[in-house]
Amino acid sequence: MLTIGITGGIGSGKSFICDILEKLGYPVFYADAEAKAIVASNRNLIEELEQITSRKLWVNNELDKPALASAIFSSDSIREKVNQAIHPLVHKAFQDFAQLQTTNFVFEEAAIILENGNKAKLDKIILVTAPLEVRIQRVLKRDNTTREKIQERINSQMSDEEKIPLADFVIVNDGVE
């Protein structure tokens, strides 16, 4: 079985590509959703993240997601430490998911496969790209956020130019190609 990563920046269209793969019958593991589930359900991890971020993240018996996101996107150092705490747990969940599959291909969708060192743990990488303004417009439609917050997230990720040489395949998802 080949394990294939689907990656790309915010608003690039990873979910669109994964939806097509699922319609074709291939299993897709959504790393970002799994990370959120792990963080929300693992009190020890939340305590570790509170130490890393120096913020109260457990409020009214639930994770304060905006506070965590704000911390992650405000500092490269904090983001790196948070990723180091969360990503091994997510990768283990992906391995468990992959072992249950019976298809020749299993896909992992994650925005930061190339940033977090998981490229070496996958057989192939597909990078989904789209022009900056297309990405911004997609996220503005999808999320209750501002252009500034979207740009902040884009700036915190590797650029497509940095990612393209690291990918095995590139899908340009601009609504035309």
N, C-alpha and C. Protein backbone atom coordinates (compact mmCIF):
# COMPACT_ATOMS: atom_id res chain seq x y z
N MET A 1 0.84 -1.18 0.00
CA MET A 1 0.00 0.00 0.00
C MET A 1 0.89 1.25 0.00
N LEU A 2 0.57 2.19 -0.87
CA LEU A 2 1.27 3.47 -0.91
C LEU A 2 0.55 4.47 -0.03
N THR A 3 1.33 5.21 0.76
CA THR A 3 0.77 6.30 1.55
C THR A 3 1.14 7.60 0.83
N ILE A 4 0.12 8.41 0.60
CA ILE A 4 0.30 9.61 -0.21
C ILE A 4 -0.22 10.82 0.57
N GLY A 5 0.62 11.82 0.70
CA GLY A 5 0.22 13.05 1.37
C GLY A 5 -0.38 14.03 0.40
N ILE A 6 -1.45 14.67 0.83
CA ILE A 6 -2.08 15.76 0.08
C ILE A 6 -1.84 17.00 0.92
N THR A 7 -1.11 17.97 0.38
CA THR A 7 -0.78 19.15 1.15
C THR A 7 -0.93 20.40 0.30
N GLY A 8 -0.92 21.53 0.97
CA GLY A 8 -1.04 22.82 0.30
C GLY A 8 -1.44 23.86 1.32
N GLY A 9 -1.26 25.09 0.98
CA GLY A 9 -1.59 26.18 1.89
C GLY A 9 -3.08 26.33 2.10
N ILE A 10 -3.43 27.16 3.08
CA ILE A 10 -4.83 27.43 3.38
C ILE A 10 -5.52 27.96 2.12
N GLY A 11 -6.70 27.39 1.83
CA GLY A 11 -7.48 27.83 0.67
C GLY A 11 -7.02 27.30 -0.67
N SER A 12 -6.04 26.40 -0.68
CA SER A 12 -5.53 25.89 -1.96
C SER A 12 -6.49 24.90 -2.61
N GLY A 13 -7.31 24.25 -1.80
CA GLY A 13 -8.27 23.29 -2.36
C GLY A 13 -7.95 21.85 -2.03
N LYS A 14 -7.23 21.62 -0.94
CA LYS A 14 -6.92 20.24 -0.52
C LYS A 14 -8.19 19.43 -0.31
N SER A 15 -9.16 20.03 0.35
CA SER A 15 -10.41 19.32 0.63
C SER A 15 -11.15 18.96 -0.65
N PHE A 16 -11.10 19.83 -1.63
CA PHE A 16 -11.73 19.56 -2.93
C PHE A 16 -11.11 18.33 -3.58
N ILE A 17 -9.78 18.26 -3.57
CA ILE A 17 -9.06 17.12 -4.15
C ILE A 17 -9.37 15.85 -3.36
N CYS A 18 -9.39 15.96 -2.04
CA CYS A 18 -9.67 14.79 -1.20
C CYS A 18 -11.10 14.29 -1.40
N ASP A 19 -12.02 15.20 -1.62
CA ASP A 19 -13.40 14.80 -1.89
C ASP A 19 -13.48 13.96 -3.16
N ILE A 20 -12.74 14.35 -4.17
CA ILE A 20 -12.69 13.57 -5.42
C ILE A 20 -12.10 12.18 -5.15
N LEU A 21 -11.02 12.13 -4.38
CA LEU A 21 -10.39 10.85 -4.06
C LEU A 21 -11.36 9.93 -3.31
N GLU A 22 -12.09 10.49 -2.37
CA GLU A 22 -13.06 9.69 -1.61
C GLU A 22 -14.18 9.19 -2.52
N LYS A 23 -14.62 10.02 -3.44
CA LYS A 23 -15.67 9.59 -4.39
C LYS A 23 -15.17 8.46 -5.28
N LEU A 24 -13.85 8.42 -5.49
CA LEU A 24 -13.26 7.33 -6.27
C LEU A 24 -13.02 6.08 -5.42
N GLY A 25 -13.34 6.16 -4.13
CA GLY A 25 -13.24 5.00 -3.25
C GLY A 25 -11.97 4.89 -2.43
N TYR A 26 -11.17 5.94 -2.43
CA TYR A 26 -9.92 5.89 -1.67
C TYR A 26 -10.11 6.48 -0.27
N PRO A 27 -9.47 5.87 0.73
CA PRO A 27 -9.58 6.41 2.09
C PRO A 27 -8.68 7.63 2.26
N VAL A 28 -9.23 8.65 2.94
CA VAL A 28 -8.49 9.87 3.21
C VAL A 28 -8.53 10.14 4.72
N PHE A 29 -7.37 10.33 5.27
CA PHE A 29 -7.20 10.68 6.68
C PHE A 29 -7.00 12.18 6.74
N TYR A 30 -7.83 12.85 7.52
CA TYR A 30 -7.76 14.31 7.64
C TYR A 30 -6.98 14.67 8.90
N ALA A 31 -5.70 14.97 8.72
CA ALA A 31 -4.80 15.20 9.85
C ALA A 31 -5.20 16.41 10.68
N ASP A 32 -5.63 17.47 10.04
CA ASP A 32 -5.99 18.67 10.81
C ASP A 32 -7.20 18.40 11.71
N ALA A 33 -8.20 17.70 11.18
CA ALA A 33 -9.37 17.34 11.99
C ALA A 33 -8.98 16.40 13.12
N GLU A 34 -8.10 15.45 12.82
CA GLU A 34 -7.64 14.52 13.85
C GLU A 34 -6.86 15.26 14.93
N ALA A 35 -6.03 16.22 14.53
CA ALA A 35 -5.26 17.00 15.51
C ALA A 35 -6.21 17.75 16.44
N LYS A 36 -7.25 18.34 15.88
CA LYS A 36 -8.22 19.07 16.70
C LYS A 36 -8.91 18.13 17.68
N ALA A 37 -9.28 16.94 17.21
CA ALA A 37 -9.94 15.95 18.08
C ALA A 37 -9.00 15.49 19.19
N ILE A 38 -7.75 15.25 18.85
CA ILE A 38 -6.77 14.81 19.85
C ILE A 38 -6.57 15.90 20.91
N VAL A 39 -6.39 17.13 20.47
CA VAL A 39 -6.16 18.23 21.41
C VAL A 39 -7.39 18.41 22.30
N ALA A 40 -8.57 18.37 21.71
CA ALA A 40 -9.79 18.62 22.47
C ALA A 40 -10.07 17.53 23.50
N SER A 41 -9.53 16.33 23.29
CA SER A 41 -9.87 15.21 24.17
C SER A 41 -8.73 14.77 25.08
N ASN A 42 -7.56 15.39 24.97
CA ASN A 42 -6.40 14.93 25.72
C ASN A 42 -5.98 16.03 26.71
N ARG A 43 -6.47 15.89 27.94
CA ARG A 43 -6.23 16.91 28.97
C ARG A 43 -4.74 17.11 29.24
N ASN A 44 -3.95 16.02 29.24
CA ASN A 44 -2.51 16.16 29.46
C ASN A 44 -1.85 16.98 28.36
N LEU A 45 -2.28 16.75 27.14
CA LEU A 45 -1.75 17.52 26.02
C LEU A 45 -2.13 18.99 26.15
N ILE A 46 -3.35 19.25 26.55
CA ILE A 46 -3.79 20.64 26.73
C ILE A 46 -2.93 21.33 27.78
N GLU A 47 -2.63 20.64 28.86
CA GLU A 47 -1.76 21.22 29.89
C GLU A 47 -0.37 21.52 29.32
N GLU A 48 0.15 20.62 28.50
CA GLU A 48 1.44 20.86 27.86
C GLU A 48 1.37 22.07 26.93
N LEU A 49 0.27 22.19 26.18
CA LEU A 49 0.10 23.33 25.27
C LEU A 49 -0.05 24.64 26.04
N GLU A 50 -0.70 24.58 27.22
CA GLU A 50 -0.81 25.78 28.04
C GLU A 50 0.57 26.24 28.51
N GLN A 51 1.44 25.29 28.85
CA GLN A 51 2.80 25.66 29.24
C GLN A 51 3.57 26.26 28.06
N ILE A 52 3.41 25.66 26.89
CA ILE A 52 4.11 26.15 25.70
C ILE A 52 3.66 27.56 25.32
N THR A 53 2.34 27.77 25.35
CA THR A 53 1.78 29.04 24.88
C THR A 53 1.68 30.11 25.97
N SER A 54 1.84 29.70 27.24
CA SER A 54 1.64 30.60 28.39
C SER A 54 0.25 31.22 28.37
N ARG A 55 -0.72 30.43 27.91
CA ARG A 55 -2.11 30.89 27.86
C ARG A 55 -3.02 29.84 28.47
N LYS A 56 -4.13 30.28 29.02
CA LYS A 56 -5.17 29.38 29.51
C LYS A 56 -5.95 28.90 28.30
N LEU A 57 -5.90 27.60 28.02
CA LEU A 57 -6.55 27.06 26.83
C LEU A 57 -7.78 26.20 27.16
N TRP A 58 -7.93 25.85 28.43
CA TRP A 58 -9.07 25.01 28.83
C TRP A 58 -10.04 25.92 29.58
N VAL A 59 -11.14 26.30 28.94
CA VAL A 59 -12.09 27.24 29.49
C VAL A 59 -13.49 26.63 29.43
N ASN A 60 -14.18 26.63 30.56
CA ASN A 60 -15.53 26.07 30.64
C ASN A 60 -15.59 24.64 30.11
N ASN A 61 -14.60 23.84 30.52
CA ASN A 61 -14.52 22.42 30.15
C ASN A 61 -14.40 22.17 28.66
N GLU A 62 -13.79 23.12 27.95
CA GLU A 62 -13.50 22.88 26.53
C GLU A 62 -12.30 23.70 26.09
N LEU A 63 -11.73 23.26 24.98
CA LEU A 63 -10.56 23.93 24.42
C LEU A 63 -10.94 25.29 23.87
N ASP A 64 -10.18 26.32 24.21
CA ASP A 64 -10.37 27.65 23.66
C ASP A 64 -9.59 27.70 22.34
N LYS A 65 -10.24 27.28 21.26
CA LYS A 65 -9.58 27.16 19.96
C LYS A 65 -9.05 28.50 19.44
N PRO A 66 -9.79 29.60 19.58
CA PRO A 66 -9.23 30.88 19.11
C PRO A 66 -7.95 31.26 19.85
N ALA A 67 -7.88 30.98 21.15
CA ALA A 67 -6.67 31.32 21.91
C ALA A 67 -5.49 30.48 21.43
N LEU A 68 -5.73 29.19 21.17
CA LEU A 68 -4.66 28.33 20.66
C LEU A 68 -4.22 28.79 19.28
N ALA A 69 -5.17 29.07 18.40
CA ALA A 69 -4.83 29.52 17.05
C ALA A 69 -4.05 30.83 17.10
N SER A 70 -4.48 31.74 17.95
CA SER A 70 -3.79 33.02 18.08
C SER A 70 -2.34 32.82 18.51
N ALA A 71 -2.13 31.92 19.46
CA ALA A 71 -0.76 31.64 19.93
C ALA A 71 0.08 31.01 18.83
N ILE A 72 -0.50 30.07 18.12
CA ILE A 72 0.23 29.34 17.08
C ILE A 72 0.67 30.28 15.96
N PHE A 73 -0.21 31.16 15.55
CA PHE A 73 0.10 32.02 14.42
C PHE A 73 0.80 33.32 14.81
N SER A 74 1.07 33.50 16.11
CA SER A 74 1.75 34.71 16.54
C SER A 74 3.26 34.52 16.69
N SER A 75 3.71 33.25 16.74
CA SER A 75 5.12 33.01 17.01
C SER A 75 5.59 31.72 16.35
N ASP A 76 6.66 31.83 15.57
CA ASP A 76 7.24 30.63 14.95
C ASP A 76 7.70 29.63 15.99
N SER A 77 8.28 30.12 17.06
CA SER A 77 8.79 29.25 18.12
C SER A 77 7.65 28.48 18.80
N ILE A 78 6.58 29.18 19.14
CA ILE A 78 5.43 28.52 19.76
C ILE A 78 4.82 27.51 18.79
N ARG A 79 4.65 27.91 17.53
CA ARG A 79 4.07 27.01 16.53
C ARG A 79 4.90 25.73 16.41
N GLU A 80 6.21 25.87 16.40
CA GLU A 80 7.10 24.72 16.29
C GLU A 80 6.94 23.79 17.50
N LYS A 81 6.89 24.35 18.69
CA LYS A 81 6.75 23.55 19.91
C LYS A 81 5.38 22.87 19.97
N VAL A 82 4.34 23.59 19.57
CA VAL A 82 2.99 23.00 19.53
C VAL A 82 2.96 21.84 18.54
N ASN A 83 3.54 22.05 17.37
CA ASN A 83 3.59 20.98 16.37
C ASN A 83 4.36 19.77 16.89
N GLN A 84 5.46 20.00 17.60
CA GLN A 84 6.25 18.90 18.16
C GLN A 84 5.45 18.11 19.19
N ALA A 85 4.53 18.76 19.87
CA ALA A 85 3.70 18.08 20.86
C ALA A 85 2.56 17.29 20.21
N ILE A 86 1.98 17.86 19.17
CA ILE A 86 0.77 17.28 18.58
C ILE A 86 1.07 16.27 17.47
N HIS A 87 2.01 16.58 16.59
CA HIS A 87 2.16 15.79 15.36
C HIS A 87 2.56 14.32 15.55
N PRO A 88 3.34 13.97 16.54
CA PRO A 88 3.58 12.53 16.73
C PRO A 88 2.29 11.76 17.04
N LEU A 89 1.39 12.39 17.78
CA LEU A 89 0.10 11.74 18.09
C LEU A 89 -0.76 11.60 16.84
N VAL A 90 -0.74 12.62 16.01
CA VAL A 90 -1.51 12.59 14.76
C VAL A 90 -0.92 11.55 13.81
N HIS A 91 0.40 11.49 13.72
CA HIS A 91 1.03 10.50 12.83
C HIS A 91 0.71 9.08 13.28
N LYS A 92 0.69 8.85 14.58
CA LYS A 92 0.32 7.52 15.10
C LYS A 92 -1.12 7.19 14.71
N ALA A 93 -2.00 8.17 14.80
CA ALA A 93 -3.40 7.95 14.40
C ALA A 93 -3.48 7.63 12.91
N PHE A 94 -2.67 8.31 12.08
CA PHE A 94 -2.65 8.01 10.64
C PHE A 94 -2.16 6.58 10.40
N GLN A 95 -1.11 6.18 11.09
CA GLN A 95 -0.61 4.80 10.93
C GLN A 95 -1.68 3.79 11.28
N ASP A 96 -2.40 4.02 12.37
CA ASP A 96 -3.48 3.13 12.77
C ASP A 96 -4.57 3.09 11.70
N PHE A 97 -4.92 4.26 11.16
CA PHE A 97 -5.92 4.38 10.10
C PHE A 97 -5.47 3.60 8.86
N ALA A 98 -4.22 3.80 8.45
CA ALA A 98 -3.70 3.16 7.24
C ALA A 98 -3.70 1.65 7.37
N GLN A 99 -3.39 1.14 8.54
CA GLN A 99 -3.34 -0.31 8.74
C GLN A 99 -4.72 -0.97 8.58
N LEU A 100 -5.77 -0.19 8.76
CA LEU A 100 -7.12 -0.73 8.63
C LEU A 100 -7.63 -0.74 7.19
N GLN A 101 -6.89 -0.10 6.27
CA GLN A 101 -7.36 0.04 4.90
C GLN A 101 -6.98 -1.17 4.05
N THR A 102 -7.79 -1.41 3.03
CA THR A 102 -7.55 -2.54 2.12
C THR A 102 -7.28 -2.10 0.69
N THR A 103 -7.17 -0.79 0.47
CA THR A 103 -6.92 -0.27 -0.87
C THR A 103 -5.42 -0.20 -1.13
N ASN A 104 -5.05 0.02 -2.40
CA ASN A 104 -3.64 0.14 -2.76
C ASN A 104 -3.05 1.48 -2.38
N PHE A 105 -3.91 2.48 -2.17
CA PHE A 105 -3.47 3.82 -1.83
C PHE A 105 -4.26 4.31 -0.63
N VAL A 106 -3.58 4.99 0.27
CA VAL A 106 -4.25 5.67 1.37
C VAL A 106 -3.66 7.08 1.42
N PHE A 107 -4.53 8.06 1.61
CA PHE A 107 -4.14 9.46 1.54
C PHE A 107 -4.22 10.12 2.90
N GLU A 108 -3.26 11.00 3.16
CA GLU A 108 -3.28 11.84 4.36
C GLU A 108 -3.33 13.29 3.91
N GLU A 109 -4.39 13.98 4.30
CA GLU A 109 -4.53 15.40 3.99
C GLU A 109 -4.03 16.19 5.18
N ALA A 110 -3.03 17.04 4.94
CA ALA A 110 -2.49 17.88 6.01
C ALA A 110 -1.82 19.10 5.41
N ALA A 111 -2.08 20.25 5.99
CA ALA A 111 -1.53 21.50 5.46
C ALA A 111 -0.01 21.58 5.59
N ILE A 112 0.55 20.94 6.60
CA ILE A 112 1.97 21.16 6.87
C ILE A 112 2.81 19.88 6.82
N ILE A 113 2.51 18.99 5.91
CA ILE A 113 3.30 17.76 5.77
C ILE A 113 4.77 18.09 5.51
N LEU A 114 5.02 19.06 4.67
CA LEU A 114 6.41 19.40 4.32
C LEU A 114 7.10 20.15 5.44
N GLU A 115 6.36 20.90 6.22
CA GLU A 115 6.94 21.67 7.32
C GLU A 115 7.22 20.80 8.54
N ASN A 116 6.41 19.77 8.76
CA ASN A 116 6.53 19.03 10.02
C ASN A 116 7.38 17.76 9.93
N GLY A 117 8.03 17.54 8.80
CA GLY A 117 8.91 16.38 8.69
C GLY A 117 8.22 15.08 8.33
N ASN A 118 6.93 15.14 8.03
CA ASN A 118 6.22 13.90 7.69
C ASN A 118 6.44 13.45 6.26
N LYS A 119 7.08 14.26 5.44
CA LYS A 119 7.34 13.85 4.05
C LYS A 119 8.07 12.52 4.01
N ALA A 120 9.04 12.33 4.89
CA ALA A 120 9.83 11.10 4.91
C ALA A 120 9.01 9.89 5.35
N LYS A 121 7.87 10.14 5.98
CA LYS A 121 7.02 9.06 6.48
C LYS A 121 5.97 8.64 5.47
N LEU A 122 5.93 9.31 4.32
CA LEU A 122 4.95 9.03 3.27
C LEU A 122 5.68 8.63 2.00
N ASP A 123 5.00 7.85 1.15
CA ASP A 123 5.64 7.39 -0.09
C ASP A 123 5.68 8.48 -1.16
N LYS A 124 4.64 9.26 -1.25
CA LYS A 124 4.54 10.32 -2.26
C LYS A 124 3.84 11.53 -1.67
N ILE A 125 4.10 12.70 -2.27
CA ILE A 125 3.48 13.95 -1.83
C ILE A 125 2.83 14.62 -3.04
N ILE A 126 1.56 14.99 -2.88
CA ILE A 126 0.85 15.79 -3.87
C ILE A 126 0.64 17.17 -3.26
N LEU A 127 1.13 18.19 -3.94
CA LEU A 127 0.95 19.57 -3.50
C LEU A 127 -0.18 20.20 -4.30
N VAL A 128 -1.14 20.79 -3.61
CA VAL A 128 -2.24 21.51 -4.24
C VAL A 128 -1.94 22.99 -4.12
N THR A 129 -1.94 23.69 -5.25
CA THR A 129 -1.66 25.12 -5.25
C THR A 129 -2.81 25.90 -5.89
N ALA A 130 -2.84 27.18 -5.61
CA ALA A 130 -3.79 28.10 -6.22
C ALA A 130 -3.22 29.50 -6.06
N PRO A 131 -3.58 30.42 -6.95
CA PRO A 131 -3.11 31.80 -6.80
C PRO A 131 -3.56 32.40 -5.47
N LEU A 132 -2.75 33.30 -4.95
CA LEU A 132 -2.99 33.90 -3.64
C LEU A 132 -4.40 34.48 -3.51
N GLU A 133 -4.83 35.28 -4.46
CA GLU A 133 -6.15 35.92 -4.34
C GLU A 133 -7.28 34.89 -4.37
N VAL A 134 -7.12 33.82 -5.14
CA VAL A 134 -8.11 32.74 -5.17
C VAL A 134 -8.20 32.10 -3.79
N ARG A 135 -7.05 31.85 -3.19
CA ARG A 135 -7.01 31.24 -1.86
C ARG A 135 -7.71 32.14 -0.83
N ILE A 136 -7.38 33.42 -0.87
CA ILE A 136 -7.98 34.35 0.08
C ILE A 136 -9.49 34.39 -0.08
N GLN A 137 -9.98 34.47 -1.31
CA GLN A 137 -11.42 34.52 -1.54
C GLN A 137 -12.11 33.24 -1.07
N ARG A 138 -11.48 32.09 -1.28
CA ARG A 138 -12.06 30.82 -0.82
C ARG A 138 -12.22 30.82 0.70
N VAL A 139 -11.18 31.28 1.39
CA VAL A 139 -11.22 31.25 2.86
C VAL A 139 -12.19 32.30 3.39
N LEU A 140 -12.27 33.46 2.74
CA LEU A 140 -13.25 34.47 3.16
C LEU A 140 -14.67 33.92 3.05
N LYS A 141 -14.95 33.17 2.00
CA LYS A 141 -16.27 32.56 1.83
C LYS A 141 -16.54 31.48 2.87
N ARG A 142 -15.52 30.71 3.17
CA ARG A 142 -15.64 29.52 4.02
C ARG A 142 -15.65 29.84 5.51
N ASP A 143 -14.78 30.74 5.93
CA ASP A 143 -14.55 30.98 7.35
C ASP A 143 -15.05 32.36 7.75
N ASN A 144 -15.39 32.48 9.01
CA ASN A 144 -15.76 33.78 9.55
C ASN A 144 -14.48 34.45 10.03
N THR A 145 -13.76 35.08 9.10
CA THR A 145 -12.46 35.66 9.43
C THR A 145 -12.21 36.89 8.56
N THR A 146 -11.06 37.46 8.73
CA THR A 146 -10.70 38.66 7.97
C THR A 146 -9.56 38.36 7.00
N ARG A 147 -9.42 39.22 6.03
CA ARG A 147 -8.32 39.11 5.07
C ARG A 147 -6.98 39.14 5.80
N GLU A 148 -6.88 39.96 6.82
CA GLU A 148 -5.63 40.08 7.58
C GLU A 148 -5.27 38.77 8.27
N LYS A 149 -6.26 38.13 8.89
CA LYS A 149 -6.00 36.85 9.58
C LYS A 149 -5.62 35.77 8.58
N ILE A 150 -6.25 35.78 7.41
CA ILE A 150 -5.90 34.80 6.37
C ILE A 150 -4.46 35.03 5.92
N GLN A 151 -4.11 36.28 5.68
CA GLN A 151 -2.76 36.60 5.25
C GLN A 151 -1.74 36.21 6.32
N GLU A 152 -2.10 36.39 7.58
CA GLU A 152 -1.22 35.99 8.68
C GLU A 152 -0.95 34.48 8.62
N ARG A 153 -2.00 33.71 8.38
CA ARG A 153 -1.82 32.26 8.28
C ARG A 153 -1.00 31.88 7.06
N ILE A 154 -1.27 32.51 5.95
CA ILE A 154 -0.50 32.24 4.73
C ILE A 154 0.97 32.55 4.97
N ASN A 155 1.25 33.67 5.62
CA ASN A 155 2.63 34.07 5.90
C ASN A 155 3.33 33.11 6.85
N SER A 156 2.56 32.39 7.66
CA SER A 156 3.17 31.47 8.62
C SER A 156 3.51 30.12 8.00
N GLN A 157 3.04 29.89 6.78
CA GLN A 157 3.30 28.61 6.10
C GLN A 157 4.39 28.80 5.04
N MET A 158 5.03 27.68 4.67
CA MET A 158 5.99 27.73 3.56
C MET A 158 5.26 28.19 2.31
N SER A 159 5.95 28.88 1.44
CA SER A 159 5.35 29.32 0.19
C SER A 159 5.27 28.15 -0.80
N ASP A 160 4.41 28.28 -1.78
CA ASP A 160 4.32 27.26 -2.83
C ASP A 160 5.66 27.11 -3.54
N GLU A 161 6.37 28.22 -3.73
CA GLU A 161 7.67 28.16 -4.40
C GLU A 161 8.66 27.29 -3.62
N GLU A 162 8.58 27.31 -2.30
CA GLU A 162 9.44 26.46 -1.48
C GLU A 162 8.98 25.01 -1.49
N LYS A 163 7.66 24.80 -1.60
CA LYS A 163 7.10 23.46 -1.52
C LYS A 163 7.21 22.68 -2.83
N ILE A 164 7.09 23.36 -3.96
CA ILE A 164 7.04 22.67 -5.26
C ILE A 164 8.22 21.72 -5.47
N PRO A 165 9.46 22.12 -5.18
CA PRO A 165 10.57 21.18 -5.40
C PRO A 165 10.53 19.96 -4.48
N LEU A 166 9.77 20.05 -3.39
CA LEU A 166 9.70 18.95 -2.42
C LEU A 166 8.57 17.97 -2.73
N ALA A 167 7.67 18.35 -3.63
CA ALA A 167 6.51 17.53 -3.95
C ALA A 167 6.81 16.59 -5.12
N ASP A 168 6.13 15.47 -5.12
CA ASP A 168 6.24 14.54 -6.25
C ASP A 168 5.30 14.93 -7.38
N PHE A 169 4.16 15.51 -7.02
CA PHE A 169 3.17 15.94 -8.00
C PHE A 169 2.59 17.27 -7.54
N VAL A 170 2.19 18.12 -8.51
CA VAL A 170 1.57 19.40 -8.19
C VAL A 170 0.25 19.49 -8.94
N ILE A 171 -0.81 19.82 -8.20
CA ILE A 171 -2.12 20.08 -8.81
C ILE A 171 -2.38 21.56 -8.67
N VAL A 172 -2.57 22.25 -9.81
CA VAL A 172 -2.93 23.66 -9.79
C VAL A 172 -4.46 23.72 -9.74
N ASN A 173 -4.98 24.19 -8.63
CA ASN A 173 -6.43 24.19 -8.39
C ASN A 173 -6.93 25.62 -8.40
N ASP A 174 -6.88 26.24 -9.58
CA ASP A 174 -7.26 27.65 -9.70
C ASP A 174 -8.62 27.84 -10.34
N GLY A 175 -9.36 26.75 -10.57
CA GLY A 175 -10.67 26.86 -11.20
C GLY A 175 -10.57 26.78 -12.71
N VAL A 176 -9.34 26.76 -13.26
CA VAL A 176 -9.13 26.68 -14.70
C VAL A 176 -8.34 25.43 -15.05
N GLU A 177 -7.14 25.26 -14.42
CA GLU A 177 -6.31 24.08 -14.70
C GLU A 177 -6.81 22.88 -13.93
